[in-house]
């Protein structure tokens, strides 16, 4: 899982967000409790322009890990994202 996560991080830095999302999804398949992979999956989808998928990933991340420090970061953008994803 950590190898897929690292690949996703590298692909994000290269701005290959669809590939990054795929890598984060693979990390999550191997470890559903990989909190940062869930949050980064939402970010990769957002940066790829896939608002609905970003909202789904971040919603699941917040639901699974309500005490995680990244929840506050997501919540800063989550309200507008949910509205944009439903359009």
PDB file of N, CA and C in Angstrom:
ATOM      1  N   UNK A   1       0.822  -1.193   0.000  1.00  0.00           N
ATOM      2  CA  UNK A   1       0.000   0.000   0.000  1.00  0.00           C
ATOM      3  C   UNK A   1       0.866   1.257   0.000  1.00  0.00           C
ATOM      4  N   UNK A   2       1.951   1.212   0.772  1.00  0.00           N
ATOM      5  CA  UNK A   2       2.790   2.413   0.849  1.00  0.00           C
ATOM      6  C   UNK A   2       3.493   2.681  -0.485  1.00  0.00           C
ATOM      7  N   UNK A   3       3.809   1.638  -1.228  1.00  0.00           N
ATOM      8  CA  UNK A   3       4.440   1.840  -2.549  1.00  0.00           C
ATOM      9  C   UNK A   3       3.464   2.510  -3.510  1.00  0.00           C
ATOM     10  N   UNK A   4       2.209   2.045  -3.527  1.00  0.00           N
ATOM     11  CA  UNK A   4       1.210   2.683  -4.383  1.00  0.00           C
ATOM     12  C   UNK A   4       0.978   4.127  -3.948  1.00  0.00           C
ATOM     13  N   UNK A   5       0.973   4.352  -2.620  1.00  0.00           N
ATOM     14  CA  UNK A   5       0.795   5.711  -2.120  1.00  0.00           C
ATOM     15  C   UNK A   5       1.932   6.617  -2.603  1.00  0.00           C
ATOM     16  N   UNK A   6       3.152   6.131  -2.513  1.00  0.00           N
ATOM     17  CA  UNK A   6       4.301   6.924  -2.960  1.00  0.00           C
ATOM     18  C   UNK A   6       4.238   7.200  -4.459  1.00  0.00           C
ATOM     19  N   UNK A   7       3.791   6.218  -5.227  1.00  0.00           N
ATOM     20  CA  UNK A   7       3.625   6.426  -6.660  1.00  0.00           C
ATOM     21  C   UNK A   7       2.575   7.504  -6.917  1.00  0.00           C
ATOM     22  N   UNK A   8       1.473   7.446  -6.198  1.00  0.00           N
ATOM     23  CA  UNK A   8       0.433   8.471  -6.333  1.00  0.00           C
ATOM     24  C   UNK A   8       0.944   9.853  -5.981  1.00  0.00           C
ATOM     25  N   UNK A   9       1.747   9.930  -4.948  1.00  0.00           N
ATOM     26  CA  UNK A   9       2.335  11.214  -4.551  1.00  0.00           C
ATOM     27  C   UNK A   9       3.247  11.751  -5.643  1.00  0.00           C
ATOM     28  N   UNK A  10       4.066  10.888  -6.218  1.00  0.00           N
ATOM     29  CA  UNK A  10       4.964  11.309  -7.302  1.00  0.00           C
ATOM     30  C   UNK A  10       4.168  11.744  -8.525  1.00  0.00           C
ATOM     31  N   UNK A  11       3.130  11.000  -8.865  1.00  0.00           N
ATOM     32  CA  UNK A  11       2.320  11.362 -10.027  1.00  0.00           C
ATOM     33  C   UNK A  11       1.578  12.676  -9.798  1.00  0.00           C
ATOM     34  N   UNK A  12       1.175  12.923  -8.565  1.00  0.00           N
ATOM     35  CA  UNK A  12       0.542  14.212  -8.245  1.00  0.00           C
ATOM     36  C   UNK A  12       1.518  15.361  -8.464  1.00  0.00           C
ATOM     37  N   UNK A  13       2.752  15.164  -8.035  1.00  0.00           N
ATOM     38  CA  UNK A  13       3.764  16.214  -8.214  1.00  0.00           C
ATOM     39  C   UNK A  13       4.055  16.460  -9.689  1.00  0.00           C
ATOM     40  N   UNK A  14       3.872  15.426 -10.513  1.00  0.00           N
ATOM     41  CA  UNK A  14       4.054  15.565 -11.954  1.00  0.00           C
ATOM     42  C   UNK A  14       2.771  16.053 -12.642  1.00  0.00           C
ATOM     43  N   UNK A  15       1.742  16.293 -11.839  1.00  0.00           N
ATOM     44  CA  UNK A  15       0.430  16.760 -12.295  1.00  0.00           C
ATOM     45  C   UNK A  15      -0.266  15.760 -13.216  1.00  0.00           C
ATOM     46  N   UNK A  16       0.020  14.488 -13.006  1.00  0.00           N
ATOM     47  CA  UNK A  16      -0.692  13.412 -13.698  1.00  0.00           C
ATOM     48  C   UNK A  16      -1.750  12.899 -12.723  1.00  0.00           C
ATOM     49  N   UNK A  17      -2.810  13.683 -12.567  1.00  0.00           N
ATOM     50  CA  UNK A  17      -3.783  13.421 -11.519  1.00  0.00           C
ATOM     51  C   UNK A  17      -4.632  12.165 -11.752  1.00  0.00           C
ATOM     52  N   UNK A  18      -5.003  11.836 -12.994  1.00  0.00           N
ATOM     53  CA  UNK A  18      -5.732  10.570 -13.165  1.00  0.00           C
ATOM     54  C   UNK A  18      -4.891   9.355 -12.740  1.00  0.00           C
ATOM     55  N   UNK A  19      -3.621   9.353 -13.087  1.00  0.00           N
ATOM     56  CA  UNK A  19      -2.748   8.251 -12.666  1.00  0.00           C
ATOM     57  C   UNK A  19      -2.544   8.258 -11.158  1.00  0.00           C
ATOM     58  N   UNK A  20      -2.452   9.445 -10.577  1.00  0.00           N
ATOM     59  CA  UNK A  20      -2.314   9.551  -9.127  1.00  0.00           C
ATOM     60  C   UNK A  20      -3.541   8.975  -8.436  1.00  0.00           C
ATOM     61  N   UNK A  21      -4.725   9.315  -8.939  1.00  0.00           N
ATOM     62  CA  UNK A  21      -5.962   8.789  -8.347  1.00  0.00           C
ATOM     63  C   UNK A  21      -5.964   7.262  -8.409  1.00  0.00           C
ATOM     64  N   UNK A  22      -5.559   6.710  -9.540  1.00  0.00           N
ATOM     65  CA  UNK A  22      -5.496   5.254  -9.674  1.00  0.00           C
ATOM     66  C   UNK A  22      -4.540   4.646  -8.635  1.00  0.00           C
ATOM     67  N   UNK A  23      -3.392   5.261  -8.460  1.00  0.00           N
ATOM     68  CA  UNK A  23      -2.415   4.747  -7.491  1.00  0.00           C
ATOM     69  C   UNK A  23      -2.964   4.823  -6.067  1.00  0.00           C
ATOM     70  N   UNK A  24      -3.629   5.929  -5.723  1.00  0.00           N
ATOM     71  CA  UNK A  24      -4.204   6.041  -4.378  1.00  0.00           C
ATOM     72  C   UNK A  24      -5.319   5.011  -4.187  1.00  0.00           C
ATOM     73  N   UNK A  25      -6.106   4.757  -5.250  1.00  0.00           N
ATOM     74  CA  UNK A  25      -7.137   3.722  -5.164  1.00  0.00           C
ATOM     75  C   UNK A  25      -6.524   2.352  -4.902  1.00  0.00           C
ATOM     76  N   UNK A  26      -5.423   2.063  -5.558  1.00  0.00           N
ATOM     77  CA  UNK A  26      -4.730   0.784  -5.336  1.00  0.00           C
ATOM     78  C   UNK A  26      -4.222   0.688  -3.895  1.00  0.00           C
ATOM     79  N   UNK A  27      -3.677   1.788  -3.370  1.00  0.00           N
ATOM     80  CA  UNK A  27      -3.213   1.790  -1.975  1.00  0.00           C
ATOM     81  C   UNK A  27      -4.374   1.479  -1.032  1.00  0.00           C
ATOM     82  N   UNK A  28      -5.531   2.071  -1.316  1.00  0.00           N
ATOM     83  CA  UNK A  28      -6.709   1.862  -0.468  1.00  0.00           C
ATOM     84  C   UNK A  28      -7.225   0.429  -0.591  1.00  0.00           C
ATOM     85  N   UNK A  29      -7.146  -0.144  -1.791  1.00  0.00           N
ATOM     86  CA  UNK A  29      -7.548  -1.547  -1.958  1.00  0.00           C
ATOM     87  C   UNK A  29      -6.725  -2.466  -1.054  1.00  0.00           C
ATOM     88  N   UNK A  30      -5.464  -2.129  -0.893  1.00  0.00           N
ATOM     89  CA  UNK A  30      -4.578  -2.950  -0.069  1.00  0.00           C
ATOM     90  C   UNK A  30      -4.689  -2.632   1.417  1.00  0.00           C
ATOM     91  N   UNK A  31      -5.080  -1.410   1.740  1.00  0.00           N
ATOM     92  CA  UNK A  31      -5.205  -0.996   3.142  1.00  0.00           C
ATOM     93  C   UNK A  31      -6.303   0.050   3.252  1.00  0.00           C
ATOM     94  N   UNK A  32      -7.511  -0.412   3.553  1.00  0.00           N
ATOM     95  CA  UNK A  32      -8.663   0.495   3.633  1.00  0.00           C
ATOM     96  C   UNK A  32      -8.540   1.513   4.763  1.00  0.00           C
ATOM     97  N   UNK A  33      -7.613   1.306   5.672  1.00  0.00           N
ATOM     98  CA  UNK A  33      -7.421   2.232   6.795  1.00  0.00           C
ATOM     99  C   UNK A  33      -6.301   3.241   6.524  1.00  0.00           C
ATOM    100  N   UNK A  34      -5.854   3.342   5.296  1.00  0.00           N
ATOM    101  CA  UNK A  34      -4.776   4.265   4.913  1.00  0.00           C
ATOM    102  C   UNK A  34      -5.398   5.658   4.746  1.00  0.00           C
ATOM    103  N   UNK A  35      -5.519   6.363   5.856  1.00  0.00           N
ATOM    104  CA  UNK A  35      -6.254   7.631   5.894  1.00  0.00           C
ATOM    105  C   UNK A  35      -5.730   8.645   4.880  1.00  0.00           C
ATOM    106  N   UNK A  36      -4.437   8.861   4.843  1.00  0.00           N
ATOM    107  CA  UNK A  36      -3.882   9.893   3.957  1.00  0.00           C
ATOM    108  C   UNK A  36      -4.139   9.531   2.492  1.00  0.00           C
ATOM    109  N   UNK A  37      -4.171   8.253   2.176  1.00  0.00           N
ATOM    110  CA  UNK A  37      -4.477   7.845   0.799  1.00  0.00           C
ATOM    111  C   UNK A  37      -5.902   8.253   0.433  1.00  0.00           C
ATOM    112  N   UNK A  38      -6.843   8.127   1.360  1.00  0.00           N
ATOM    113  CA  UNK A  38      -8.218   8.562   1.107  1.00  0.00           C
ATOM    114  C   UNK A  38      -8.270  10.070   0.840  1.00  0.00           C
ATOM    115  N   UNK A  39      -7.588  10.839   1.679  1.00  0.00           N
ATOM    116  CA  UNK A  39      -7.603  12.296   1.500  1.00  0.00           C
ATOM    117  C   UNK A  39      -6.910  12.696   0.203  1.00  0.00           C
ATOM    118  N   UNK A  40      -5.789  12.060  -0.099  1.00  0.00           N
ATOM    119  CA  UNK A  40      -5.072  12.385  -1.334  1.00  0.00           C
ATOM    120  C   UNK A  40      -5.853  11.947  -2.567  1.00  0.00           C
ATOM    121  N   UNK A  41      -6.611  10.878  -2.454  1.00  0.00           N
ATOM    122  CA  UNK A  41      -7.465  10.448  -3.561  1.00  0.00           C
ATOM    123  C   UNK A  41      -8.455  11.558  -3.906  1.00  0.00           C
ATOM    124  N   UNK A  42      -9.056  12.153  -2.891  1.00  0.00           N
ATOM    125  CA  UNK A  42      -9.966  13.274  -3.140  1.00  0.00           C
ATOM    126  C   UNK A  42      -9.265  14.426  -3.820  1.00  0.00           C
ATOM    127  N   UNK A  43      -8.064  14.738  -3.374  1.00  0.00           N
ATOM    128  CA  UNK A  43      -7.309  15.831  -3.978  1.00  0.00           C
ATOM    129  C   UNK A  43      -6.925  15.543  -5.417  1.00  0.00           C
ATOM    130  N   UNK A  44      -6.554  14.303  -5.711  1.00  0.00           N
ATOM    131  CA  UNK A  44      -6.204  13.936  -7.089  1.00  0.00           C
ATOM    132  C   UNK A  44      -7.422  14.070  -7.994  1.00  0.00           C
ATOM    133  N   UNK A  45      -8.573  13.612  -7.511  1.00  0.00           N
ATOM    134  CA  UNK A  45      -9.796  13.749  -8.304  1.00  0.00           C
ATOM    135  C   UNK A  45     -10.150  15.225  -8.515  1.00  0.00           C
ATOM    136  N   UNK A  46     -10.016  16.014  -7.467  1.00  0.00           N
ATOM    137  CA  UNK A  46     -10.312  17.451  -7.587  1.00  0.00           C
ATOM    138  C   UNK A  46      -9.407  18.089  -8.634  1.00  0.00           C
ATOM    139  N   UNK A  47      -8.127  17.824  -8.556  1.00  0.00           N
ATOM    140  CA  UNK A  47      -7.181  18.414  -9.499  1.00  0.00           C
ATOM    141  C   UNK A  47      -7.364  17.905 -10.919  1.00  0.00           C
ATOM    142  N   UNK A  48      -7.950  16.713 -11.068  1.00  0.00           N
ATOM    143  CA  UNK A  48      -8.251  16.179 -12.396  1.00  0.00           C
ATOM    144  C   UNK A  48      -9.563  16.741 -12.939  1.00  0.00           C
ATOM    145  N   UNK A  49     -10.272  17.497 -12.093  1.00  0.00           N
ATOM    146  CA  UNK A  49     -11.545  18.069 -12.512  1.00  0.00           C
ATOM    147  C   UNK A  49     -12.733  17.152 -12.309  1.00  0.00           C
ATOM    148  N   UNK A  50     -12.543  16.083 -11.561  1.00  0.00           N
ATOM    149  CA  UNK A  50     -13.612  15.117 -11.290  1.00  0.00           C
ATOM    150  C   UNK A  50     -14.237  15.443  -9.932  1.00  0.00           C
ATOM    151  N   UNK A  51     -15.114  16.439  -9.932  1.00  0.00           N
ATOM    152  CA  UNK A  51     -15.649  16.954  -8.670  1.00  0.00           C
ATOM    153  C   UNK A  51     -16.489  15.931  -7.923  1.00  0.00           C
ATOM    154  N   UNK A  52     -17.299  15.191  -8.636  1.00  0.00           N
ATOM    155  CA  UNK A  52     -18.143  14.201  -7.965  1.00  0.00           C
ATOM    156  C   UNK A  52     -17.286  13.133  -7.273  1.00  0.00           C
ATOM    157  N   UNK A  53     -16.263  12.657  -7.966  1.00  0.00           N
ATOM    158  CA  UNK A  53     -15.373  11.645  -7.372  1.00  0.00           C
ATOM    159  C   UNK A  53     -14.597  12.215  -6.192  1.00  0.00           C
ATOM    160  N   UNK A  54     -14.196  13.484  -6.287  1.00  0.00           N
ATOM    161  CA  UNK A  54     -13.497  14.129  -5.168  1.00  0.00           C
ATOM    162  C   UNK A  54     -14.408  14.214  -3.957  1.00  0.00           C
ATOM    163  N   UNK A  55     -15.655  14.634  -4.179  1.00  0.00           N
ATOM    164  CA  UNK A  55     -16.612  14.733  -3.075  1.00  0.00           C
ATOM    165  C   UNK A  55     -16.846  13.368  -2.437  1.00  0.00           C
ATOM    166  N   UNK A  56     -16.951  12.322  -3.256  1.00  0.00           N
ATOM    167  CA  UNK A  56     -17.144  10.970  -2.720  1.00  0.00           C
ATOM    168  C   UNK A  56     -15.953  10.525  -1.883  1.00  0.00           C
ATOM    169  N   UNK A  57     -14.740  10.720  -2.409  1.00  0.00           N
ATOM    170  CA  UNK A  57     -13.541  10.279  -1.689  1.00  0.00           C
ATOM    171  C   UNK A  57     -13.384  11.038  -0.386  1.00  0.00           C
ATOM    172  N   UNK A  58     -13.538  12.358  -0.440  1.00  0.00           N
ATOM    173  CA  UNK A  58     -13.391  13.142   0.781  1.00  0.00           C
ATOM    174  C   UNK A  58     -14.513  12.864   1.773  1.00  0.00           C
ATOM    175  N   UNK A  59     -15.718  12.651   1.276  1.00  0.00           N
ATOM    176  CA  UNK A  59     -16.821  12.298   2.173  1.00  0.00           C
ATOM    177  C   UNK A  59     -16.530  10.998   2.914  1.00  0.00           C
ATOM    178  N   UNK A  60     -16.011  10.025   2.188  1.00  0.00           N
ATOM    179  CA  UNK A  60     -15.656   8.746   2.811  1.00  0.00           C
ATOM    180  C   UNK A  60     -14.494   8.917   3.782  1.00  0.00           C
ATOM    181  N   UNK A  61     -13.521   9.738   3.419  1.00  0.00           N
ATOM    182  CA  UNK A  61     -12.378   9.982   4.310  1.00  0.00           C
ATOM    183  C   UNK A  61     -12.836  10.617   5.617  1.00  0.00           C
ATOM    184  N   UNK A  62     -13.701  11.609   5.518  1.00  0.00           N
ATOM    185  CA  UNK A  62     -14.206  12.291   6.718  1.00  0.00           C
ATOM    186  C   UNK A  62     -15.036  11.323   7.562  1.00  0.00           C
ATOM    187  N   UNK A  63     -15.837  10.484   6.901  1.00  0.00           N
ATOM    188  CA  UNK A  63     -16.662   9.519   7.628  1.00  0.00           C
ATOM    189  C   UNK A  63     -15.792   8.484   8.353  1.00  0.00           C
ATOM    190  N   UNK A  64     -14.770   7.998   7.670  1.00  0.00           N
ATOM    191  CA  UNK A  64     -13.917   6.962   8.252  1.00  0.00           C
ATOM    192  C   UNK A  64     -12.957   7.489   9.321  1.00  0.00           C
ATOM    193  N   UNK A  65     -12.478   8.705   9.120  1.00  0.00           N
ATOM    194  CA  UNK A  65     -11.410   9.237   9.979  1.00  0.00           C
ATOM    195  C   UNK A  65     -11.784  10.622  10.516  1.00  0.00           C
ATOM    196  N   UNK A  66     -12.870  10.724  11.298  1.00  0.00           N
ATOM    197  CA  UNK A  66     -13.369  12.032  11.724  1.00  0.00           C
ATOM    198  C   UNK A  66     -12.407  12.835  12.598  1.00  0.00           C
ATOM    199  N   UNK A  67     -11.451  12.182  13.212  1.00  0.00           N
ATOM    200  CA  UNK A  67     -10.503  12.877  14.082  1.00  0.00           C
ATOM    201  C   UNK A  67      -9.184  13.207  13.388  1.00  0.00           C
ATOM    202  N   UNK A  68      -9.050  12.847  12.121  1.00  0.00           N
ATOM    203  CA  UNK A  68      -7.794  13.072  11.402  1.00  0.00           C
ATOM    204  C   UNK A  68      -7.578  14.562  11.190  1.00  0.00           C
ATOM    205  N   UNK A  69      -6.324  14.991  11.230  1.00  0.00           N
ATOM    206  CA  UNK A  69      -5.993  16.416  11.084  1.00  0.00           C
ATOM    207  C   UNK A  69      -6.372  16.969   9.706  1.00  0.00           C
ATOM    208  N   UNK A  70      -6.480  16.123   8.692  1.00  0.00           N
ATOM    209  CA  UNK A  70      -6.834  16.604   7.356  1.00  0.00           C
ATOM    210  C   UNK A  70      -8.325  16.890   7.195  1.00  0.00           C
ATOM    211  N   UNK A  71      -9.145  16.478   8.157  1.00  0.00           N
ATOM    212  CA  UNK A  71     -10.581  16.765   8.078  1.00  0.00           C
ATOM    213  C   UNK A  71     -10.822  18.267   8.012  1.00  0.00           C
ATOM    214  N   UNK A  72     -10.101  19.037   8.804  1.00  0.00           N
ATOM    215  CA  UNK A  72     -10.310  20.491   8.791  1.00  0.00           C
ATOM    216  C   UNK A  72      -9.917  21.098   7.453  1.00  0.00           C
ATOM    217  N   UNK A  73      -8.911  20.540   6.815  1.00  0.00           N
ATOM    218  CA  UNK A  73      -8.492  21.024   5.494  1.00  0.00           C
ATOM    219  C   UNK A  73      -9.590  20.729   4.476  1.00  0.00           C
ATOM    220  N   UNK A  74     -10.121  19.523   4.522  1.00  0.00           N
ATOM    221  CA  UNK A  74     -11.180  19.139   3.587  1.00  0.00           C
ATOM    222  C   UNK A  74     -12.443  19.956   3.837  1.00  0.00           C
ATOM    223  N   UNK A  75     -12.791  20.135   5.079  1.00  0.00           N
ATOM    224  CA  UNK A  75     -14.019  20.874   5.393  1.00  0.00           C
ATOM    225  C   UNK A  75     -13.964  22.313   4.885  1.00  0.00           C
ATOM    226  N   UNK A  76     -12.785  22.882   4.774  1.00  0.00           N
ATOM    227  CA  UNK A  76     -12.665  24.250   4.253  1.00  0.00           C
ATOM    228  C   UNK A  76     -13.179  24.322   2.819  1.00  0.00           C
ATOM    229  N   UNK A  77     -13.064  23.225   2.066  1.00  0.00           N
ATOM    230  CA  UNK A  77     -13.503  23.190   0.671  1.00  0.00           C
ATOM    231  C   UNK A  77     -14.714  22.291   0.443  1.00  0.00           C
ATOM    232  N   UNK A  78     -15.074  21.494   1.403  1.00  0.00           N
ATOM    233  CA  UNK A  78     -16.055  20.445   1.177  1.00  0.00           C
ATOM    234  C   UNK A  78     -17.450  20.978   0.857  1.00  0.00           C
ATOM    235  N   UNK A  79     -17.895  22.033   1.510  1.00  0.00           N
ATOM    236  CA  UNK A  79     -19.235  22.538   1.268  1.00  0.00           C
ATOM    237  C   UNK A  79     -19.437  22.960  -0.185  1.00  0.00           C
ATOM    238  N   UNK A  80     -18.523  23.746  -0.738  1.00  0.00           N
ATOM    239  CA  UNK A  80     -18.687  24.156  -2.131  1.00  0.00           C
ATOM    240  C   UNK A  80     -18.527  22.973  -3.070  1.00  0.00           C
ATOM    241  N   UNK A  81     -17.705  22.014  -2.681  1.00  0.00           N
ATOM    242  CA  UNK A  81     -17.459  20.862  -3.541  1.00  0.00           C
ATOM    243  C   UNK A  81     -18.697  20.000  -3.675  1.00  0.00           C
ATOM    244  N   UNK A  82     -19.414  19.799  -2.597  1.00  0.00           N
ATOM    245  CA  UNK A  82     -20.636  18.994  -2.657  1.00  0.00           C
ATOM    246  C   UNK A  82     -21.635  19.652  -3.586  1.00  0.00           C
ATOM    247  N   UNK A  83     -21.762  20.968  -3.498  1.00  0.00           N
ATOM    248  CA  UNK A  83     -22.677  21.680  -4.396  1.00  0.00           C
ATOM    249  C   UNK A  83     -22.248  21.594  -5.842  1.00  0.00           C
ATOM    250  N   UNK A  84     -20.969  21.738  -6.096  1.00  0.00           N
ATOM    251  CA  UNK A  84     -20.453  21.692  -7.469  1.00  0.00           C
ATOM    252  C   UNK A  84     -20.598  20.289  -8.051  1.00  0.00           C
ATOM    253  N   UNK A  85     -20.420  19.266  -7.235  1.00  0.00           N
ATOM    254  CA  UNK A  85     -20.487  17.900  -7.730  1.00  0.00           C
ATOM    255  C   UNK A  85     -21.899  17.499  -8.098  1.00  0.00           C
ATOM    256  N   UNK A  86     -22.890  18.136  -7.487  1.00  0.00           N
ATOM    257  CA  UNK A  86     -24.281  17.772  -7.770  1.00  0.00           C
ATOM    258  C   UNK A  86     -24.845  18.509  -8.987  1.00  0.00           C
ATOM    259  N   UNK A  87     -24.095  19.427  -9.557  1.00  0.00           N
ATOM    260  CA  UNK A  87     -24.589  20.188 -10.728  1.00  0.00           C
ATOM    261  C   UNK A  87     -24.510  19.373 -11.988  1.00  0.00           C
TER     262      UNK A  87
END
